Amino acid sequence: MNSTSNTLPGSNVAATRWLAVGSLLGLIVLSVTWELWLAPLRPGGSWMVLKALPLCIPLVGLLKHRMYTYRWVSLVVWLYFTEGVVRAWSDKTPSNYLAMVEIALCLLLFVACALHVRWRQKAAKAVVTAA
């Protein structure tokens, strides 16, 4: 093995970690601004803003680098993806565009979590093999 293959997994893991955290923060900000100011279901905001609360729970786990959090977030994100698809199809402008942003952030979060888990396990295996 050359030295670049030894350092590459670590940098990939760090990149996917920040991509996951960034897309999760993006989903939180989008959810709050969408339901309170940009295109609420009712004038003045709606209770749909509460959908951002469950997204705050995994933020600590992602920041603390907990593998379990990356795994379950990659499953939970599909609920938000489904909401985005439904609202992109059924809502009027500008809500349908916000839903498309939600879809993109969900896909980004899923890919980041999936790659993070894969590359982190690969890096751990390489450390065990080297030892």
N, C-alpha and C. Protein backbone atom coordinates (compact mmCIF):
# COMPACT_ATOMS: atom_id res chain seq x y z
N MET A 1 0.83 -1.18 0.00
CA MET A 1 0.00 0.00 0.00
C MET A 1 0.87 1.24 0.00
N ASN A 2 0.47 2.25 -0.77
CA ASN A 2 1.23 3.49 -0.73
C ASN A 2 0.68 4.42 0.33
N SER A 3 1.41 5.50 0.58
CA SER A 3 1.04 6.39 1.69
C SER A 3 -0.25 7.16 1.42
N THR A 4 -0.57 7.43 0.15
CA THR A 4 -1.80 8.18 -0.13
C THR A 4 -3.04 7.37 0.19
N SER A 5 -2.99 6.07 0.02
CA SER A 5 -4.16 5.26 0.35
C SER A 5 -4.36 5.16 1.86
N ASN A 6 -3.29 5.34 2.64
CA ASN A 6 -3.43 5.33 4.09
C ASN A 6 -4.06 6.61 4.61
N THR A 7 -3.77 7.74 3.99
CA THR A 7 -4.30 9.01 4.47
C THR A 7 -5.65 9.34 3.86
N LEU A 8 -5.97 8.78 2.72
CA LEU A 8 -7.21 9.09 2.03
C LEU A 8 -8.46 8.75 2.83
N PRO A 9 -8.58 7.56 3.43
CA PRO A 9 -9.80 7.27 4.17
C PRO A 9 -10.07 8.26 5.31
N GLY A 10 -9.05 8.69 6.00
CA GLY A 10 -9.23 9.65 7.09
C GLY A 10 -9.78 10.97 6.60
N SER A 11 -9.27 11.44 5.47
CA SER A 11 -9.75 12.71 4.94
C SER A 11 -11.17 12.55 4.39
N ASN A 12 -11.47 11.41 3.82
CA ASN A 12 -12.83 11.14 3.34
C ASN A 12 -13.81 11.10 4.50
N VAL A 13 -13.41 10.48 5.59
CA VAL A 13 -14.27 10.39 6.77
C VAL A 13 -14.55 11.78 7.31
N ALA A 14 -13.54 12.61 7.40
CA ALA A 14 -13.72 13.98 7.89
C ALA A 14 -14.63 14.77 6.95
N ALA A 15 -14.43 14.62 5.65
CA ALA A 15 -15.26 15.34 4.69
C ALA A 15 -16.72 14.93 4.78
N THR A 16 -16.97 13.63 4.89
CA THR A 16 -18.36 13.17 4.98
C THR A 16 -19.00 13.58 6.31
N ARG A 17 -18.18 13.67 7.34
CA ARG A 17 -18.70 14.13 8.64
C ARG A 17 -19.22 15.55 8.52
N TRP A 18 -18.41 16.43 7.94
CA TRP A 18 -18.83 17.83 7.82
C TRP A 18 -19.94 18.00 6.79
N LEU A 19 -19.96 17.17 5.77
CA LEU A 19 -21.05 17.20 4.81
C LEU A 19 -22.36 16.79 5.47
N ALA A 20 -22.31 15.76 6.32
CA ALA A 20 -23.50 15.32 7.04
C ALA A 20 -23.99 16.39 8.01
N VAL A 21 -23.07 16.97 8.76
CA VAL A 21 -23.45 18.01 9.72
C VAL A 21 -24.02 19.23 8.97
N GLY A 22 -23.38 19.62 7.89
CA GLY A 22 -23.85 20.77 7.11
C GLY A 22 -25.21 20.56 6.51
N SER A 23 -25.45 19.38 5.95
CA SER A 23 -26.76 19.13 5.34
C SER A 23 -27.84 18.99 6.41
N LEU A 24 -27.49 18.44 7.57
CA LEU A 24 -28.46 18.36 8.66
C LEU A 24 -28.81 19.76 9.16
N LEU A 25 -27.80 20.61 9.34
CA LEU A 25 -28.07 21.99 9.74
C LEU A 25 -28.89 22.71 8.67
N GLY A 26 -28.61 22.44 7.41
CA GLY A 26 -29.39 23.01 6.32
C GLY A 26 -30.85 22.60 6.39
N LEU A 27 -31.11 21.33 6.70
CA LEU A 27 -32.48 20.86 6.84
C LEU A 27 -33.19 21.53 8.02
N ILE A 28 -32.48 21.73 9.11
CA ILE A 28 -33.07 22.38 10.28
C ILE A 28 -33.44 23.83 9.94
N VAL A 29 -32.49 24.55 9.36
CA VAL A 29 -32.74 25.96 9.00
C VAL A 29 -33.86 26.05 7.96
N LEU A 30 -33.83 25.18 6.97
CA LEU A 30 -34.88 25.18 5.95
C LEU A 30 -36.24 24.93 6.57
N SER A 31 -36.34 23.95 7.44
CA SER A 31 -37.63 23.61 8.07
C SER A 31 -38.19 24.78 8.85
N VAL A 32 -37.34 25.43 9.64
CA VAL A 32 -37.81 26.55 10.46
C VAL A 32 -38.21 27.74 9.60
N THR A 33 -37.34 28.12 8.67
CA THR A 33 -37.66 29.30 7.84
C THR A 33 -38.83 29.04 6.91
N TRP A 34 -38.93 27.84 6.39
CA TRP A 34 -40.02 27.48 5.49
C TRP A 34 -41.36 27.62 6.19
N GLU A 35 -41.48 27.03 7.38
CA GLU A 35 -42.77 26.97 8.06
C GLU A 35 -43.12 28.22 8.86
N LEU A 36 -42.15 29.09 9.10
CA LEU A 36 -42.45 30.33 9.83
C LEU A 36 -42.52 31.56 8.94
N TRP A 37 -41.64 31.64 7.89
CA TRP A 37 -41.57 32.87 7.12
C TRP A 37 -41.73 32.69 5.61
N LEU A 38 -41.03 31.75 5.03
CA LEU A 38 -40.96 31.69 3.57
C LEU A 38 -42.26 31.26 2.91
N ALA A 39 -42.84 30.17 3.38
CA ALA A 39 -44.08 29.67 2.78
C ALA A 39 -44.85 28.82 3.78
N PRO A 40 -45.30 29.41 4.90
CA PRO A 40 -46.01 28.62 5.91
C PRO A 40 -47.36 28.13 5.38
N LEU A 41 -47.85 27.04 5.94
CA LEU A 41 -49.16 26.52 5.54
C LEU A 41 -50.27 27.50 5.88
N ARG A 42 -50.10 28.22 6.98
CA ARG A 42 -51.06 29.25 7.40
C ARG A 42 -50.32 30.57 7.56
N PRO A 43 -50.98 31.67 7.27
CA PRO A 43 -50.32 32.97 7.46
C PRO A 43 -49.85 33.15 8.91
N GLY A 44 -48.64 33.65 9.07
CA GLY A 44 -48.08 33.85 10.40
C GLY A 44 -47.32 32.65 10.94
N GLY A 45 -47.24 31.57 10.20
CA GLY A 45 -46.51 30.37 10.62
C GLY A 45 -47.45 29.23 10.94
N SER A 46 -46.89 28.05 11.03
CA SER A 46 -47.70 26.88 11.33
C SER A 46 -46.98 25.96 12.30
N TRP A 47 -47.72 25.04 12.84
CA TRP A 47 -47.15 24.05 13.77
C TRP A 47 -46.22 23.08 13.06
N MET A 48 -46.21 23.11 11.74
CA MET A 48 -45.31 22.23 10.99
C MET A 48 -43.84 22.55 11.28
N VAL A 49 -43.59 23.71 11.89
CA VAL A 49 -42.21 24.06 12.26
C VAL A 49 -41.64 23.05 13.25
N LEU A 50 -42.51 22.34 13.95
CA LEU A 50 -42.05 21.34 14.91
C LEU A 50 -41.33 20.16 14.25
N LYS A 51 -41.47 20.04 12.94
CA LYS A 51 -40.76 18.96 12.24
C LYS A 51 -39.25 19.14 12.32
N ALA A 52 -38.81 20.34 12.68
CA ALA A 52 -37.36 20.59 12.81
C ALA A 52 -36.80 20.02 14.11
N LEU A 53 -37.64 19.84 15.13
CA LEU A 53 -37.15 19.35 16.43
C LEU A 53 -36.48 17.97 16.35
N PRO A 54 -37.09 16.98 15.69
CA PRO A 54 -36.40 15.67 15.62
C PRO A 54 -35.04 15.75 14.92
N LEU A 55 -34.87 16.74 14.05
CA LEU A 55 -33.58 16.88 13.37
C LEU A 55 -32.49 17.40 14.29
N CYS A 56 -32.89 18.05 15.38
CA CYS A 56 -31.90 18.59 16.33
C CYS A 56 -31.28 17.48 17.18
N ILE A 57 -31.98 16.39 17.37
CA ILE A 57 -31.50 15.29 18.22
C ILE A 57 -30.20 14.67 17.69
N PRO A 58 -30.12 14.33 16.40
CA PRO A 58 -28.88 13.68 15.95
C PRO A 58 -27.70 14.63 15.77
N LEU A 59 -27.93 15.93 15.85
CA LEU A 59 -26.85 16.88 15.63
C LEU A 59 -25.70 16.65 16.62
N VAL A 60 -26.03 16.41 17.87
CA VAL A 60 -25.00 16.17 18.89
C VAL A 60 -24.22 14.89 18.57
N GLY A 61 -24.93 13.84 18.18
CA GLY A 61 -24.27 12.58 17.86
C GLY A 61 -23.34 12.69 16.67
N LEU A 62 -23.75 13.47 15.66
CA LEU A 62 -22.87 13.66 14.50
C LEU A 62 -21.64 14.46 14.89
N LEU A 63 -21.83 15.48 15.72
CA LEU A 63 -20.69 16.28 16.15
C LEU A 63 -19.74 15.51 17.06
N LYS A 64 -20.29 14.55 17.82
CA LYS A 64 -19.45 13.71 18.70
C LYS A 64 -18.92 12.48 17.98
N HIS A 65 -19.21 12.38 16.68
CA HIS A 65 -18.63 11.31 15.85
C HIS A 65 -19.15 9.92 16.24
N ARG A 66 -20.41 9.82 16.60
CA ARG A 66 -20.99 8.53 17.00
C ARG A 66 -21.49 7.78 15.78
N MET A 67 -20.91 6.62 15.56
CA MET A 67 -21.25 5.81 14.39
C MET A 67 -22.73 5.44 14.36
N TYR A 68 -23.28 5.10 15.52
CA TYR A 68 -24.69 4.72 15.61
C TYR A 68 -25.59 5.83 15.08
N THR A 69 -25.26 7.08 15.37
CA THR A 69 -26.07 8.21 14.92
C THR A 69 -26.06 8.29 13.40
N TYR A 70 -24.91 8.12 12.78
CA TYR A 70 -24.84 8.15 11.32
C TYR A 70 -25.73 7.08 10.71
N ARG A 71 -25.79 5.93 11.35
CA ARG A 71 -26.59 4.83 10.82
C ARG A 71 -28.08 5.12 10.90
N TRP A 72 -28.57 5.60 12.06
CA TRP A 72 -30.02 5.79 12.16
C TRP A 72 -30.47 7.06 11.46
N VAL A 73 -29.60 8.06 11.35
CA VAL A 73 -29.98 9.26 10.60
C VAL A 73 -30.18 8.92 9.13
N SER A 74 -29.37 8.00 8.61
CA SER A 74 -29.52 7.61 7.21
C SER A 74 -30.86 6.92 6.95
N LEU A 75 -31.52 6.46 7.99
CA LEU A 75 -32.86 5.87 7.85
C LEU A 75 -33.96 6.90 8.08
N VAL A 76 -33.79 7.73 9.09
CA VAL A 76 -34.80 8.73 9.45
C VAL A 76 -34.95 9.79 8.36
N VAL A 77 -33.87 10.09 7.67
CA VAL A 77 -33.90 11.15 6.67
C VAL A 77 -34.91 10.86 5.55
N TRP A 78 -35.26 9.58 5.37
CA TRP A 78 -36.21 9.23 4.31
C TRP A 78 -37.62 9.74 4.62
N LEU A 79 -37.94 9.98 5.89
CA LEU A 79 -39.23 10.59 6.23
C LEU A 79 -39.31 12.02 5.69
N TYR A 80 -38.24 12.75 5.84
CA TYR A 80 -38.18 14.12 5.34
C TYR A 80 -38.11 14.14 3.82
N PHE A 81 -37.42 13.17 3.24
CA PHE A 81 -37.37 13.04 1.79
C PHE A 81 -38.79 12.83 1.24
N THR A 82 -39.55 11.94 1.89
CA THR A 82 -40.91 11.66 1.45
C THR A 82 -41.78 12.90 1.54
N GLU A 83 -41.65 13.65 2.64
CA GLU A 83 -42.41 14.89 2.76
C GLU A 83 -42.04 15.85 1.63
N GLY A 84 -40.75 15.94 1.33
CA GLY A 84 -40.30 16.82 0.25
C GLY A 84 -40.87 16.42 -1.09
N VAL A 85 -40.90 15.13 -1.38
CA VAL A 85 -41.44 14.66 -2.66
C VAL A 85 -42.93 14.97 -2.75
N VAL A 86 -43.67 14.70 -1.68
CA VAL A 86 -45.11 14.97 -1.68
C VAL A 86 -45.38 16.46 -1.87
N ARG A 87 -44.66 17.29 -1.13
CA ARG A 87 -44.91 18.74 -1.21
C ARG A 87 -44.37 19.34 -2.50
N ALA A 88 -43.33 18.78 -3.06
CA ALA A 88 -42.84 19.26 -4.36
C ALA A 88 -43.87 19.00 -5.45
N TRP A 89 -44.57 17.90 -5.31
CA TRP A 89 -45.56 17.52 -6.30
C TRP A 89 -46.89 18.26 -6.09
N SER A 90 -47.28 18.50 -4.84
CA SER A 90 -48.62 19.00 -4.57
C SER A 90 -48.71 20.48 -4.18
N ASP A 91 -47.66 21.06 -3.62
CA ASP A 91 -47.73 22.45 -3.17
C ASP A 91 -47.53 23.41 -4.34
N LYS A 92 -47.94 24.65 -4.10
CA LYS A 92 -47.75 25.70 -5.08
C LYS A 92 -46.43 26.41 -4.81
N THR A 93 -46.01 27.21 -5.77
CA THR A 93 -44.81 28.02 -5.63
C THR A 93 -44.99 29.00 -4.49
N PRO A 94 -44.06 29.28 -3.64
CA PRO A 94 -42.66 28.87 -3.59
C PRO A 94 -42.43 27.60 -2.78
N SER A 95 -43.49 27.06 -2.18
CA SER A 95 -43.35 25.90 -1.31
C SER A 95 -42.80 24.69 -2.07
N ASN A 96 -43.20 24.52 -3.32
CA ASN A 96 -42.70 23.37 -4.07
C ASN A 96 -41.20 23.48 -4.33
N TYR A 97 -40.70 24.71 -4.51
CA TYR A 97 -39.25 24.88 -4.68
C TYR A 97 -38.49 24.60 -3.38
N LEU A 98 -39.07 25.01 -2.28
CA LEU A 98 -38.46 24.71 -0.98
C LEU A 98 -38.44 23.20 -0.74
N ALA A 99 -39.49 22.52 -1.20
CA ALA A 99 -39.53 21.06 -1.07
C ALA A 99 -38.43 20.41 -1.90
N MET A 100 -38.14 20.99 -3.06
CA MET A 100 -37.05 20.45 -3.89
C MET A 100 -35.70 20.64 -3.20
N VAL A 101 -35.54 21.75 -2.50
CA VAL A 101 -34.31 21.97 -1.71
C VAL A 101 -34.24 20.94 -0.60
N GLU A 102 -35.39 20.66 0.04
CA GLU A 102 -35.43 19.64 1.09
C GLU A 102 -35.03 18.28 0.54
N ILE A 103 -35.51 17.94 -0.64
CA ILE A 103 -35.15 16.67 -1.27
C ILE A 103 -33.64 16.60 -1.49
N ALA A 104 -33.07 17.67 -2.02
CA ALA A 104 -31.62 17.69 -2.28
C ALA A 104 -30.82 17.55 -0.98
N LEU A 105 -31.23 18.26 0.06
CA LEU A 105 -30.52 18.16 1.35
C LEU A 105 -30.65 16.76 1.95
N CYS A 106 -31.81 16.15 1.80
CA CYS A 106 -31.99 14.78 2.31
C CYS A 106 -31.09 13.79 1.58
N LEU A 107 -31.02 13.92 0.26
CA LEU A 107 -30.15 13.03 -0.50
C LEU A 107 -28.69 13.24 -0.14
N LEU A 108 -28.31 14.50 0.04
CA LEU A 108 -26.95 14.82 0.44
C LEU A 108 -26.64 14.23 1.81
N LEU A 109 -27.56 14.36 2.74
CA LEU A 109 -27.37 13.81 4.08
C LEU A 109 -27.27 12.29 4.05
N PHE A 110 -28.13 11.65 3.28
CA PHE A 110 -28.08 10.18 3.19
C PHE A 110 -26.74 9.71 2.62
N VAL A 111 -26.32 10.31 1.52
CA VAL A 111 -25.06 9.91 0.89
C VAL A 111 -23.89 10.16 1.83
N ALA A 112 -23.89 11.30 2.51
CA ALA A 112 -22.81 11.61 3.44
C ALA A 112 -22.75 10.59 4.57
N CYS A 113 -23.92 10.24 5.13
CA CYS A 113 -23.94 9.25 6.23
C CYS A 113 -23.51 7.87 5.75
N ALA A 114 -24.02 7.46 4.60
CA ALA A 114 -23.67 6.13 4.08
C ALA A 114 -22.18 6.03 3.78
N LEU A 115 -21.64 7.05 3.12
CA LEU A 115 -20.20 7.02 2.82
C LEU A 115 -19.36 7.14 4.08
N HIS A 116 -19.83 7.93 5.04
CA HIS A 116 -19.09 8.07 6.29
C HIS A 116 -18.96 6.72 7.00
N VAL A 117 -20.06 6.00 7.10
CA VAL A 117 -20.03 4.69 7.76
C VAL A 117 -19.11 3.74 7.00
N ARG A 118 -19.24 3.72 5.69
CA ARG A 118 -18.42 2.80 4.88
C ARG A 118 -16.93 3.13 5.01
N TRP A 119 -16.58 4.39 4.83
CA TRP A 119 -15.17 4.77 4.87
C TRP A 119 -14.58 4.68 6.27
N ARG A 120 -15.40 4.94 7.26
CA ARG A 120 -14.89 4.83 8.64
C ARG A 120 -14.61 3.37 8.99
N GLN A 121 -15.49 2.47 8.58
CA GLN A 121 -15.24 1.04 8.82
C GLN A 121 -14.02 0.56 8.04
N LYS A 122 -13.87 1.07 6.82
CA LYS A 122 -12.71 0.70 6.01
C LYS A 122 -11.42 1.19 6.66
N ALA A 123 -11.43 2.40 7.19
CA ALA A 123 -10.25 2.94 7.86
C ALA A 123 -9.93 2.15 9.13
N ALA A 124 -10.97 1.76 9.87
CA ALA A 124 -10.76 0.97 11.09
C ALA A 124 -10.18 -0.41 10.74
N LYS A 125 -10.66 -0.99 9.65
CA LYS A 125 -10.14 -2.28 9.21
C LYS A 125 -8.67 -2.16 8.81
N ALA A 126 -8.32 -1.06 8.16
CA ALA A 126 -6.94 -0.85 7.73
C ALA A 126 -6.03 -0.71 8.94
N VAL A 127 -6.51 -0.07 10.00
CA VAL A 127 -5.70 0.08 11.22
C VAL A 127 -5.49 -1.29 11.87
N VAL A 128 -6.53 -2.10 11.92
CA VAL A 128 -6.42 -3.44 12.50
C VAL A 128 -5.48 -4.31 11.68
N THR A 129 -5.59 -4.22 10.35
CA THR A 129 -4.72 -4.99 9.47
C THR A 129 -3.27 -4.58 9.61
N ALA A 130 -3.05 -3.27 9.74
CA ALA A 130 -1.67 -2.76 9.88
C ALA A 130 -1.06 -3.14 11.22
N ALA A 131 -1.89 -3.33 12.22
CA ALA A 131 -1.37 -3.67 13.57
C ALA A 131 -1.10 -5.11 13.67
